[in-house]
Amino acid sequence: MAQTRAWQRMLSGRRLDLLDPTPMDIEIEDIAHGLAFVARWNGQTRGDYAYSVAEHSILVEEIFRRLYPKEPVKWQLAALLHDAPEYVIGDMISPVKAAIGPDYGALDERLTAAIHIRFGLPAKIPATIKKKIKKADKISAWLEATQIGGFSEAESNKFFGRMDPDLVRDLRIHLRPPVETRKAFTQRHAELMAAL
């Protein structure tokens, strides 16, 4: 029986083994490109462009910085990269993740560890930081749901928690072509790496 292929060729030329990813097969350009073309909300958002995981990641990092301005730059980088494995596994909604079971979580953890090591972060980030990033992620989801996802504020409050109006007042969802989002993601990554 022929062995099933478990690797993907990246545009950089790298060959990423999904079962055993190594940091040397990770390139930020591949991550930025992939995430810029992966739609959040299964593409069910208003606007002329899909709201990408790259755009979401930029917003989560900004919210994280606003919430926790004293956290070191490395944790801002972790916030930017919090969904980075989705550049190869896509953005699955929670019910699909639950249906797949623990195998999805293991795959995500392997990819996350390789990505973190590649960019100088610990393979596993501390639980306290992970919780802070999750809070920023939920705020981003609330903004996305209310601004482009068709949710009322009451629905968003129910699913994602009530928002501090001062925190979210000037935050707007950006819908732009993938090439622009890819550039913005890559630029923010470069700024954070330079500040480490």
N, C-alpha and C. Protein backbone atom coordinates (compact mmCIF):
# COMPACT_ATOMS: atom_id res chain seq x y z
N MET A 1 0.84 -1.19 0.00
CA MET A 1 0.00 0.00 0.00
C MET A 1 0.89 1.25 0.00
N ALA A 2 0.60 2.17 -0.87
CA ALA A 2 1.39 3.40 -0.99
C ALA A 2 1.18 4.28 0.23
N GLN A 3 2.26 4.91 0.67
CA GLN A 3 2.18 5.81 1.81
C GLN A 3 1.50 7.11 1.40
N THR A 4 0.60 7.60 2.23
CA THR A 4 -0.10 8.85 1.96
C THR A 4 0.85 10.02 2.19
N ARG A 5 0.83 10.98 1.28
CA ARG A 5 1.68 12.17 1.41
C ARG A 5 1.18 13.02 2.57
N ALA A 6 2.07 13.37 3.49
CA ALA A 6 1.71 14.19 4.64
C ALA A 6 2.52 15.48 4.67
N TRP A 7 2.97 15.95 3.52
CA TRP A 7 3.71 17.19 3.46
C TRP A 7 3.10 18.10 2.40
N GLN A 8 3.40 19.37 2.55
CA GLN A 8 2.93 20.34 1.57
C GLN A 8 4.10 21.16 1.08
N ARG A 9 4.15 21.38 -0.22
CA ARG A 9 5.17 22.25 -0.82
C ARG A 9 4.70 23.69 -0.64
N MET A 10 5.58 24.51 -0.11
CA MET A 10 5.27 25.92 0.11
C MET A 10 5.79 26.75 -1.07
N LEU A 11 5.27 27.95 -1.23
CA LEU A 11 5.73 28.81 -2.32
C LEU A 11 7.20 29.18 -2.19
N SER A 12 7.71 29.15 -0.96
CA SER A 12 9.14 29.43 -0.75
C SER A 12 10.01 28.29 -1.27
N GLY A 13 9.38 27.15 -1.58
CA GLY A 13 10.13 25.97 -1.99
C GLY A 13 10.31 24.98 -0.85
N ARG A 14 10.00 25.41 0.37
CA ARG A 14 10.11 24.51 1.52
C ARG A 14 9.08 23.39 1.41
N ARG A 15 9.41 22.27 2.01
CA ARG A 15 8.51 21.12 2.06
C ARG A 15 8.18 20.89 3.53
N LEU A 16 6.97 21.24 3.92
CA LEU A 16 6.57 21.16 5.33
C LEU A 16 5.89 19.83 5.60
N ASP A 17 6.51 19.02 6.44
CA ASP A 17 5.96 17.73 6.86
C ASP A 17 4.97 18.00 7.99
N LEU A 18 3.70 17.75 7.77
CA LEU A 18 2.68 18.04 8.77
C LEU A 18 2.76 17.12 9.97
N LEU A 19 3.29 15.92 9.79
CA LEU A 19 3.39 14.98 10.90
C LEU A 19 4.63 15.23 11.75
N ASP A 20 5.64 15.84 11.16
CA ASP A 20 6.88 16.12 11.87
C ASP A 20 7.48 17.44 11.38
N PRO A 21 6.78 18.55 11.65
CA PRO A 21 7.26 19.84 11.15
C PRO A 21 8.53 20.27 11.87
N THR A 22 9.45 20.85 11.12
CA THR A 22 10.68 21.35 11.72
C THR A 22 10.74 22.87 11.54
N PRO A 23 11.35 23.56 12.49
CA PRO A 23 11.45 25.02 12.39
C PRO A 23 12.12 25.49 11.09
N MET A 24 13.04 24.70 10.57
CA MET A 24 13.75 25.11 9.35
C MET A 24 12.87 25.09 8.11
N ASP A 25 11.71 24.47 8.20
CA ASP A 25 10.79 24.45 7.06
C ASP A 25 9.71 25.52 7.16
N ILE A 26 9.87 26.42 8.12
CA ILE A 26 8.90 27.49 8.36
C ILE A 26 9.47 28.81 7.84
N GLU A 27 8.71 29.50 7.01
CA GLU A 27 9.10 30.83 6.51
C GLU A 27 7.94 31.78 6.73
N ILE A 28 8.23 32.98 7.19
CA ILE A 28 7.16 33.95 7.47
C ILE A 28 6.40 34.31 6.21
N GLU A 29 7.07 34.34 5.07
CA GLU A 29 6.37 34.67 3.82
C GLU A 29 5.31 33.62 3.49
N ASP A 30 5.61 32.35 3.77
CA ASP A 30 4.63 31.29 3.55
C ASP A 30 3.44 31.45 4.49
N ILE A 31 3.74 31.75 5.75
CA ILE A 31 2.67 31.95 6.73
C ILE A 31 1.79 33.12 6.32
N ALA A 32 2.41 34.26 6.02
CA ALA A 32 1.66 35.46 5.65
C ALA A 32 0.81 35.23 4.41
N HIS A 33 1.39 34.56 3.42
CA HIS A 33 0.65 34.29 2.19
C HIS A 33 -0.55 33.38 2.47
N GLY A 34 -0.30 32.28 3.16
CA GLY A 34 -1.38 31.35 3.46
C GLY A 34 -2.50 31.99 4.26
N LEU A 35 -2.13 32.69 5.34
CA LEU A 35 -3.14 33.30 6.22
C LEU A 35 -3.93 34.39 5.50
N ALA A 36 -3.29 35.09 4.57
CA ALA A 36 -3.98 36.16 3.83
C ALA A 36 -5.07 35.60 2.91
N PHE A 37 -4.98 34.32 2.59
CA PHE A 37 -5.97 33.69 1.71
C PHE A 37 -6.93 32.76 2.44
N VAL A 38 -6.80 32.63 3.76
CA VAL A 38 -7.71 31.79 4.54
C VAL A 38 -8.78 32.70 5.15
N ALA A 39 -10.04 32.43 4.81
CA ALA A 39 -11.15 33.26 5.28
C ALA A 39 -11.61 32.84 6.67
N ARG A 40 -11.83 33.82 7.52
CA ARG A 40 -12.48 33.57 8.82
C ARG A 40 -13.98 33.45 8.57
N TRP A 41 -14.67 32.89 9.53
CA TRP A 41 -16.13 32.78 9.51
C TRP A 41 -16.61 31.99 8.28
N ASN A 42 -15.75 31.09 7.78
CA ASN A 42 -16.07 30.32 6.57
C ASN A 42 -16.49 31.22 5.41
N GLY A 43 -15.95 32.45 5.41
CA GLY A 43 -16.23 33.39 4.33
C GLY A 43 -17.58 34.08 4.44
N GLN A 44 -18.33 33.80 5.51
CA GLN A 44 -19.67 34.38 5.66
C GLN A 44 -19.60 35.74 6.33
N THR A 45 -18.98 36.70 5.64
CA THR A 45 -18.84 38.06 6.16
C THR A 45 -19.21 39.06 5.07
N ARG A 46 -19.61 40.25 5.50
CA ARG A 46 -19.95 41.31 4.57
C ARG A 46 -18.68 41.89 3.95
N GLY A 47 -18.83 42.43 2.76
CA GLY A 47 -17.72 43.13 2.13
C GLY A 47 -17.28 42.49 0.84
N ASP A 48 -16.42 43.19 0.14
CA ASP A 48 -15.94 42.74 -1.16
C ASP A 48 -14.76 41.78 -1.07
N TYR A 49 -14.15 41.68 0.11
CA TYR A 49 -13.04 40.76 0.33
C TYR A 49 -13.34 39.91 1.55
N ALA A 50 -12.84 38.70 1.52
CA ALA A 50 -12.96 37.83 2.70
C ALA A 50 -12.16 38.45 3.84
N TYR A 51 -12.62 38.22 5.06
CA TYR A 51 -11.86 38.65 6.23
C TYR A 51 -10.90 37.52 6.55
N SER A 52 -9.62 37.77 6.35
CA SER A 52 -8.63 36.70 6.44
C SER A 52 -8.10 36.49 7.85
N VAL A 53 -7.52 35.32 8.05
CA VAL A 53 -6.87 35.00 9.31
C VAL A 53 -5.67 35.93 9.53
N ALA A 54 -5.00 36.35 8.47
CA ALA A 54 -3.89 37.30 8.61
C ALA A 54 -4.39 38.62 9.18
N GLU A 55 -5.50 39.12 8.65
CA GLU A 55 -6.07 40.38 9.14
C GLU A 55 -6.49 40.23 10.60
N HIS A 56 -7.12 39.11 10.91
CA HIS A 56 -7.53 38.81 12.28
C HIS A 56 -6.31 38.79 13.21
N SER A 57 -5.23 38.18 12.77
CA SER A 57 -4.02 38.06 13.59
C SER A 57 -3.41 39.42 13.89
N ILE A 58 -3.42 40.30 12.90
CA ILE A 58 -2.92 41.67 13.10
C ILE A 58 -3.77 42.38 14.15
N LEU A 59 -5.09 42.20 14.08
CA LEU A 59 -5.99 42.83 15.04
C LEU A 59 -5.81 42.25 16.44
N VAL A 60 -5.67 40.95 16.55
CA VAL A 60 -5.48 40.33 17.87
C VAL A 60 -4.21 40.84 18.52
N GLU A 61 -3.14 40.98 17.74
CA GLU A 61 -1.89 41.50 18.31
C GLU A 61 -2.07 42.94 18.78
N GLU A 62 -2.81 43.74 18.02
CA GLU A 62 -3.07 45.12 18.44
C GLU A 62 -3.89 45.17 19.72
N ILE A 63 -4.91 44.35 19.81
CA ILE A 63 -5.74 44.31 21.02
C ILE A 63 -4.91 43.83 22.21
N PHE A 64 -4.10 42.80 22.00
CA PHE A 64 -3.22 42.29 23.06
C PHE A 64 -2.33 43.41 23.60
N ARG A 65 -1.75 44.19 22.69
CA ARG A 65 -0.88 45.30 23.08
C ARG A 65 -1.64 46.35 23.89
N ARG A 66 -2.89 46.63 23.49
CA ARG A 66 -3.70 47.61 24.21
C ARG A 66 -4.05 47.10 25.61
N LEU A 67 -4.39 45.82 25.69
CA LEU A 67 -4.78 45.24 26.97
C LEU A 67 -3.60 45.11 27.93
N TYR A 68 -2.44 44.74 27.37
CA TYR A 68 -1.27 44.40 28.19
C TYR A 68 -0.02 45.13 27.68
N PRO A 69 -0.01 46.45 27.80
CA PRO A 69 1.10 47.23 27.22
C PRO A 69 2.46 46.93 27.84
N LYS A 70 2.49 46.33 29.02
CA LYS A 70 3.77 46.05 29.68
C LYS A 70 4.32 44.66 29.34
N GLU A 71 3.55 43.87 28.60
CA GLU A 71 4.06 42.54 28.22
C GLU A 71 5.21 42.68 27.23
N PRO A 72 6.22 41.82 27.36
CA PRO A 72 7.37 41.89 26.44
C PRO A 72 6.97 41.67 24.98
N VAL A 73 7.82 42.15 24.09
CA VAL A 73 7.60 42.04 22.65
C VAL A 73 7.41 40.59 22.22
N LYS A 74 8.09 39.66 22.88
CA LYS A 74 7.98 38.25 22.46
C LYS A 74 6.55 37.76 22.59
N TRP A 75 5.80 38.28 23.56
CA TRP A 75 4.41 37.83 23.70
C TRP A 75 3.51 38.55 22.70
N GLN A 76 3.89 39.75 22.27
CA GLN A 76 3.18 40.39 21.16
C GLN A 76 3.35 39.55 19.89
N LEU A 77 4.57 39.06 19.68
CA LEU A 77 4.84 38.18 18.55
C LEU A 77 4.01 36.90 18.66
N ALA A 78 3.92 36.34 19.85
CA ALA A 78 3.09 35.14 20.04
C ALA A 78 1.63 35.44 19.71
N ALA A 79 1.16 36.64 20.04
CA ALA A 79 -0.22 37.02 19.71
C ALA A 79 -0.39 37.11 18.19
N LEU A 80 0.57 37.70 17.50
CA LEU A 80 0.49 37.79 16.04
C LEU A 80 0.45 36.40 15.41
N LEU A 81 1.19 35.47 15.98
CA LEU A 81 1.32 34.12 15.42
C LEU A 81 0.33 33.12 16.01
N HIS A 82 -0.65 33.60 16.80
CA HIS A 82 -1.51 32.67 17.53
C HIS A 82 -2.30 31.71 16.64
N ASP A 83 -2.60 32.10 15.42
CA ASP A 83 -3.31 31.22 14.48
C ASP A 83 -2.43 30.80 13.31
N ALA A 84 -1.12 30.96 13.44
CA ALA A 84 -0.21 30.68 12.32
C ALA A 84 -0.35 29.28 11.72
N PRO A 85 -0.62 28.22 12.51
CA PRO A 85 -0.76 26.90 11.89
C PRO A 85 -1.86 26.84 10.82
N GLU A 86 -2.78 27.77 10.88
CA GLU A 86 -3.87 27.77 9.91
C GLU A 86 -3.40 28.07 8.49
N TYR A 87 -2.14 28.48 8.33
CA TYR A 87 -1.63 28.69 6.97
C TYR A 87 -1.56 27.39 6.20
N VAL A 88 -1.54 26.25 6.91
CA VAL A 88 -1.57 24.96 6.23
C VAL A 88 -2.79 24.12 6.57
N ILE A 89 -3.40 24.33 7.74
CA ILE A 89 -4.55 23.49 8.11
C ILE A 89 -5.88 24.22 7.98
N GLY A 90 -5.84 25.49 7.61
CA GLY A 90 -7.07 26.24 7.42
C GLY A 90 -7.69 26.68 8.74
N ASP A 91 -8.73 27.48 8.64
CA ASP A 91 -9.45 27.98 9.81
C ASP A 91 -10.72 27.15 9.96
N MET A 92 -10.71 26.24 10.91
CA MET A 92 -11.88 25.40 11.13
C MET A 92 -12.71 25.98 12.26
N ILE A 93 -14.01 25.97 12.07
CA ILE A 93 -14.89 26.43 13.12
C ILE A 93 -14.87 25.40 14.25
N SER A 94 -15.17 25.84 15.46
CA SER A 94 -15.07 24.99 16.65
C SER A 94 -15.82 23.66 16.54
N PRO A 95 -17.05 23.63 15.98
CA PRO A 95 -17.73 22.34 15.88
C PRO A 95 -16.98 21.32 15.02
N VAL A 96 -16.28 21.79 13.97
CA VAL A 96 -15.51 20.87 13.13
C VAL A 96 -14.30 20.35 13.91
N LYS A 97 -13.64 21.24 14.66
CA LYS A 97 -12.51 20.82 15.49
C LYS A 97 -12.94 19.74 16.48
N ALA A 98 -14.11 19.95 17.09
CA ALA A 98 -14.63 18.97 18.05
C ALA A 98 -14.92 17.63 17.38
N ALA A 99 -15.44 17.69 16.17
CA ALA A 99 -15.78 16.46 15.44
C ALA A 99 -14.53 15.68 15.06
N ILE A 100 -13.46 16.38 14.72
CA ILE A 100 -12.21 15.72 14.36
C ILE A 100 -11.57 15.09 15.59
N GLY A 101 -11.72 15.75 16.72
CA GLY A 101 -11.21 15.19 17.97
C GLY A 101 -9.78 15.58 18.28
N PRO A 102 -9.12 14.79 19.13
CA PRO A 102 -7.79 15.15 19.63
C PRO A 102 -6.70 15.19 18.55
N ASP A 103 -6.92 14.51 17.43
CA ASP A 103 -5.91 14.55 16.37
C ASP A 103 -5.69 15.96 15.84
N TYR A 104 -6.77 16.75 15.75
CA TYR A 104 -6.63 18.13 15.28
C TYR A 104 -5.76 18.92 16.25
N GLY A 105 -6.03 18.78 17.54
CA GLY A 105 -5.26 19.50 18.55
C GLY A 105 -3.79 19.14 18.53
N ALA A 106 -3.50 17.85 18.32
CA ALA A 106 -2.10 17.40 18.27
C ALA A 106 -1.39 17.99 17.06
N LEU A 107 -2.06 18.01 15.92
CA LEU A 107 -1.49 18.59 14.71
C LEU A 107 -1.21 20.08 14.92
N ASP A 108 -2.18 20.79 15.47
CA ASP A 108 -2.03 22.21 15.75
C ASP A 108 -0.85 22.46 16.70
N GLU A 109 -0.72 21.64 17.74
CA GLU A 109 0.36 21.81 18.70
C GLU A 109 1.73 21.58 18.07
N ARG A 110 1.86 20.57 17.20
CA ARG A 110 3.14 20.31 16.53
C ARG A 110 3.54 21.48 15.64
N LEU A 111 2.58 21.99 14.87
CA LEU A 111 2.87 23.12 14.00
C LEU A 111 3.21 24.37 14.80
N THR A 112 2.45 24.62 15.85
CA THR A 112 2.69 25.79 16.70
C THR A 112 4.08 25.73 17.30
N ALA A 113 4.49 24.58 17.80
CA ALA A 113 5.82 24.44 18.40
C ALA A 113 6.91 24.76 17.39
N ALA A 114 6.80 24.22 16.17
CA ALA A 114 7.81 24.47 15.14
C ALA A 114 7.85 25.95 14.77
N ILE A 115 6.67 26.58 14.65
CA ILE A 115 6.60 28.01 14.31
C ILE A 115 7.22 28.84 15.42
N HIS A 116 6.87 28.54 16.67
CA HIS A 116 7.42 29.31 17.79
C HIS A 116 8.94 29.20 17.84
N ILE A 117 9.46 27.99 17.72
CA ILE A 117 10.91 27.80 17.78
C ILE A 117 11.59 28.56 16.64
N ARG A 118 10.99 28.51 15.46
CA ARG A 118 11.56 29.19 14.28
C ARG A 118 11.78 30.68 14.54
N PHE A 119 10.87 31.28 15.31
CA PHE A 119 10.95 32.73 15.52
C PHE A 119 11.38 33.11 16.94
N GLY A 120 12.04 32.17 17.62
CA GLY A 120 12.67 32.48 18.90
C GLY A 120 11.75 32.46 20.11
N LEU A 121 10.59 31.89 19.97
CA LEU A 121 9.66 31.77 21.10
C LEU A 121 9.77 30.36 21.68
N PRO A 122 9.36 30.19 22.94
CA PRO A 122 9.33 28.82 23.47
C PRO A 122 8.29 27.99 22.73
N ALA A 123 8.55 26.70 22.60
CA ALA A 123 7.62 25.80 21.89
C ALA A 123 6.21 25.93 22.47
N LYS A 124 6.13 25.97 23.79
CA LYS A 124 4.84 26.17 24.47
C LYS A 124 4.93 27.47 25.25
N ILE A 125 3.97 28.35 25.02
CA ILE A 125 3.99 29.61 25.76
C ILE A 125 3.30 29.40 27.11
N PRO A 126 3.65 30.21 28.11
CA PRO A 126 3.03 30.05 29.44
C PRO A 126 1.50 30.17 29.38
N ALA A 127 0.85 29.42 30.22
CA ALA A 127 -0.62 29.41 30.25
C ALA A 127 -1.19 30.80 30.51
N THR A 128 -0.50 31.60 31.33
CA THR A 128 -0.99 32.95 31.63
C THR A 128 -1.00 33.82 30.37
N ILE A 129 0.03 33.66 29.54
CA ILE A 129 0.10 34.43 28.29
C ILE A 129 -0.93 33.91 27.30
N LYS A 130 -1.06 32.60 27.23
CA LYS A 130 -2.05 32.00 26.33
C LYS A 130 -3.46 32.51 26.67
N LYS A 131 -3.74 32.64 27.95
CA LYS A 131 -5.04 33.14 28.41
C LYS A 131 -5.24 34.61 27.99
N LYS A 132 -4.19 35.40 28.08
CA LYS A 132 -4.27 36.81 27.68
C LYS A 132 -4.49 36.93 26.17
N ILE A 133 -3.80 36.09 25.40
CA ILE A 133 -4.00 36.10 23.94
C ILE A 133 -5.42 35.66 23.61
N LYS A 134 -5.93 34.68 24.33
CA LYS A 134 -7.30 34.21 24.11
C LYS A 134 -8.31 35.34 24.39
N LYS A 135 -8.04 36.15 25.40
CA LYS A 135 -8.93 37.29 25.69
C LYS A 135 -8.93 38.26 24.51
N ALA A 136 -7.76 38.58 23.98
CA ALA A 136 -7.67 39.46 22.81
C ALA A 136 -8.37 38.84 21.61
N ASP A 137 -8.25 37.53 21.46
CA ASP A 137 -8.89 36.78 20.38
C ASP A 137 -10.42 36.88 20.48
N LYS A 138 -10.94 36.78 21.69
CA LYS A 138 -12.40 36.88 21.88
C LYS A 138 -12.91 38.29 21.57
N ILE A 139 -12.12 39.29 21.93
CA ILE A 139 -12.51 40.67 21.63
C ILE A 139 -12.52 40.86 20.11
N SER A 140 -11.53 40.32 19.44
CA SER A 140 -11.49 40.39 17.98
C SER A 140 -12.71 39.70 17.39
N ALA A 141 -13.06 38.53 17.91
CA ALA A 141 -14.24 37.80 17.42
C ALA A 141 -15.51 38.62 17.62
N TRP A 142 -15.61 39.32 18.74
CA TRP A 142 -16.78 40.18 19.01
C TRP A 142 -16.86 41.28 17.95
N LEU A 143 -15.72 41.93 17.69
CA LEU A 143 -15.69 43.00 16.69
C LEU A 143 -16.06 42.46 15.30
N GLU A 144 -15.50 41.32 14.94
CA GLU A 144 -15.78 40.71 13.65
C GLU A 144 -17.26 40.36 13.53
N ALA A 145 -17.78 39.74 14.58
CA ALA A 145 -19.19 39.32 14.56
C ALA A 145 -20.12 40.51 14.38
N THR A 146 -19.86 41.61 15.10
CA THR A 146 -20.77 42.76 15.05
C THR A 146 -20.55 43.62 13.81
N GLN A 147 -19.31 43.76 13.36
CA GLN A 147 -19.02 44.67 12.24
C GLN A 147 -19.22 44.03 10.87
N ILE A 148 -18.90 42.73 10.73
CA ILE A 148 -18.99 42.12 9.40
C ILE A 148 -19.69 40.77 9.37
N GLY A 149 -20.01 40.22 10.56
CA GLY A 149 -20.58 38.87 10.62
C GLY A 149 -22.08 38.80 10.74
N GLY A 150 -22.74 39.95 10.83
CA GLY A 150 -24.19 39.95 10.90
C GLY A 150 -24.77 39.70 12.28
N PHE A 151 -23.95 39.68 13.32
CA PHE A 151 -24.42 39.48 14.69
C PHE A 151 -24.86 40.82 15.27
N SER A 152 -25.89 40.79 16.09
CA SER A 152 -26.25 41.98 16.86
C SER A 152 -25.27 42.08 18.04
N GLU A 153 -25.21 43.25 18.67
CA GLU A 153 -24.34 43.39 19.84
C GLU A 153 -24.78 42.44 20.94
N ALA A 154 -26.09 42.24 21.10
CA ALA A 154 -26.59 41.32 22.13
C ALA A 154 -26.11 39.89 21.87
N GLU A 155 -26.16 39.47 20.61
CA GLU A 155 -25.67 38.12 20.27
C GLU A 155 -24.17 38.02 20.52
N SER A 156 -23.43 39.03 20.11
CA SER A 156 -21.98 39.01 20.31
C SER A 156 -21.64 38.98 21.79
N ASN A 157 -22.39 39.75 22.60
CA ASN A 157 -22.16 39.74 24.05
C ASN A 157 -22.41 38.34 24.62
N LYS A 158 -23.42 37.67 24.10
CA LYS A 158 -23.77 36.33 24.59
C LYS A 158 -22.66 35.32 24.27
N PHE A 159 -22.13 35.37 23.06
CA PHE A 159 -21.16 34.38 22.63
C PHE A 159 -19.71 34.72 22.98
N PHE A 160 -19.39 36.01 23.02
CA PHE A 160 -17.99 36.40 23.20
C PHE A 160 -17.73 37.25 24.44
N GLY A 161 -18.78 37.60 25.18
CA GLY A 161 -18.64 38.43 26.37
C GLY A 161 -18.85 39.90 26.06
N ARG A 162 -19.22 40.64 27.11
CA ARG A 162 -19.43 42.08 26.93
C ARG A 162 -18.10 42.78 26.73
N MET A 163 -18.11 43.81 25.90
CA MET A 163 -16.88 44.54 25.59
C MET A 163 -16.82 45.86 26.33
N ASP A 164 -15.61 46.25 26.65
CA ASP A 164 -15.36 47.57 27.21
C ASP A 164 -15.45 48.56 26.04
N PRO A 165 -16.45 49.44 26.06
CA PRO A 165 -16.62 50.35 24.92
C PRO A 165 -15.38 51.20 24.63
N ASP A 166 -14.64 51.58 25.67
CA ASP A 166 -13.44 52.39 25.46
C ASP A 166 -12.36 51.60 24.72
N LEU A 167 -12.31 50.31 24.94
CA LEU A 167 -11.29 49.49 24.29
C LEU A 167 -11.58 49.30 22.80
N VAL A 168 -12.85 49.13 22.46
CA VAL A 168 -13.19 48.78 21.07
C VAL A 168 -13.69 49.96 20.23
N ARG A 169 -13.85 51.13 20.85
CA ARG A 169 -14.46 52.27 20.17
C ARG A 169 -13.84 52.59 18.81
N ASP A 170 -12.52 52.63 18.74
CA ASP A 170 -11.86 53.04 17.50
C ASP A 170 -11.29 51.87 16.70
N LEU A 171 -11.65 50.65 17.07
CA LEU A 171 -11.16 49.49 16.32
C LEU A 171 -12.14 49.14 15.22
N ARG A 172 -11.63 49.09 14.00
CA ARG A 172 -12.45 48.79 12.83
C ARG A 172 -11.87 47.62 12.07
N ILE A 173 -12.74 46.79 11.57
CA ILE A 173 -12.34 45.65 10.76
C ILE A 173 -11.88 46.17 9.40
N HIS A 174 -10.72 45.70 8.95
CA HIS A 174 -10.18 46.07 7.65
C HIS A 174 -10.47 44.96 6.65
N LEU A 175 -11.07 45.32 5.54
CA LEU A 175 -11.23 44.37 4.43
C LEU A 175 -10.42 44.91 3.28
N ARG A 176 -9.42 44.16 2.87
CA ARG A 176 -8.55 44.61 1.80
C ARG A 176 -8.06 43.40 1.01
N PRO A 177 -7.52 43.64 -0.15
CA PRO A 177 -7.04 42.53 -0.97
C PRO A 177 -5.99 41.71 -0.22
N PRO A 178 -5.94 40.40 -0.46
CA PRO A 178 -4.98 39.54 0.23
C PRO A 178 -3.54 40.02 0.12
N VAL A 179 -3.17 40.57 -1.03
CA VAL A 179 -1.78 41.02 -1.20
C VAL A 179 -1.44 42.14 -0.20
N GLU A 180 -2.40 43.01 0.10
CA GLU A 180 -2.17 44.09 1.07
C GLU A 180 -2.10 43.54 2.49
N THR A 181 -2.98 42.60 2.79
CA THR A 181 -2.98 41.98 4.12
C THR A 181 -1.68 41.21 4.35
N ARG A 182 -1.26 40.47 3.33
CA ARG A 182 0.00 39.71 3.42
C ARG A 182 1.16 40.65 3.73
N LYS A 183 1.21 41.78 3.05
CA LYS A 183 2.28 42.76 3.27
C LYS A 183 2.22 43.33 4.69
N ALA A 184 1.02 43.66 5.17
CA ALA A 184 0.86 44.21 6.52
C ALA A 184 1.27 43.20 7.59
N PHE A 185 0.91 41.94 7.39
CA PHE A 185 1.27 40.89 8.34
C PHE A 185 2.79 40.72 8.38
N THR A 186 3.41 40.65 7.21
CA THR A 186 4.86 40.46 7.11
C THR A 186 5.59 41.66 7.73
N GLN A 187 5.07 42.86 7.48
CA GLN A 187 5.68 44.07 8.03
C GLN A 187 5.60 44.08 9.56
N ARG A 188 4.44 43.71 10.10
CA ARG A 188 4.29 43.71 11.57
C ARG A 188 5.22 42.66 12.18
N HIS A 189 5.32 41.52 11.53
CA HIS A 189 6.25 40.47 12.01
C HIS A 189 7.68 41.00 12.03
N ALA A 190 8.09 41.68 10.97
CA ALA A 190 9.45 42.22 10.89
C ALA A 190 9.70 43.24 12.00
N GLU A 191 8.70 44.09 12.27
CA GLU A 191 8.84 45.10 13.34
C GLU A 191 9.03 44.42 14.69
N LEU A 192 8.25 43.39 14.95
CA LEU A 192 8.35 42.69 16.24
C LEU A 192 9.68 41.96 16.35
N MET A 193 10.12 41.31 15.27
CA MET A 193 11.40 40.60 15.30
C MET A 193 12.55 41.57 15.54
N ALA A 194 12.48 42.74 14.95
CA ALA A 194 13.52 43.75 15.12
C ALA A 194 13.56 44.29 16.56
N ALA A 195 12.40 44.25 17.22
CA ALA A 195 12.31 44.79 18.59
C ALA A 195 12.63 43.74 19.66
N LEU A 196 12.79 42.49 19.27
CA LEU A 196 13.10 41.44 20.25
C LEU A 196 14.47 41.65 20.88
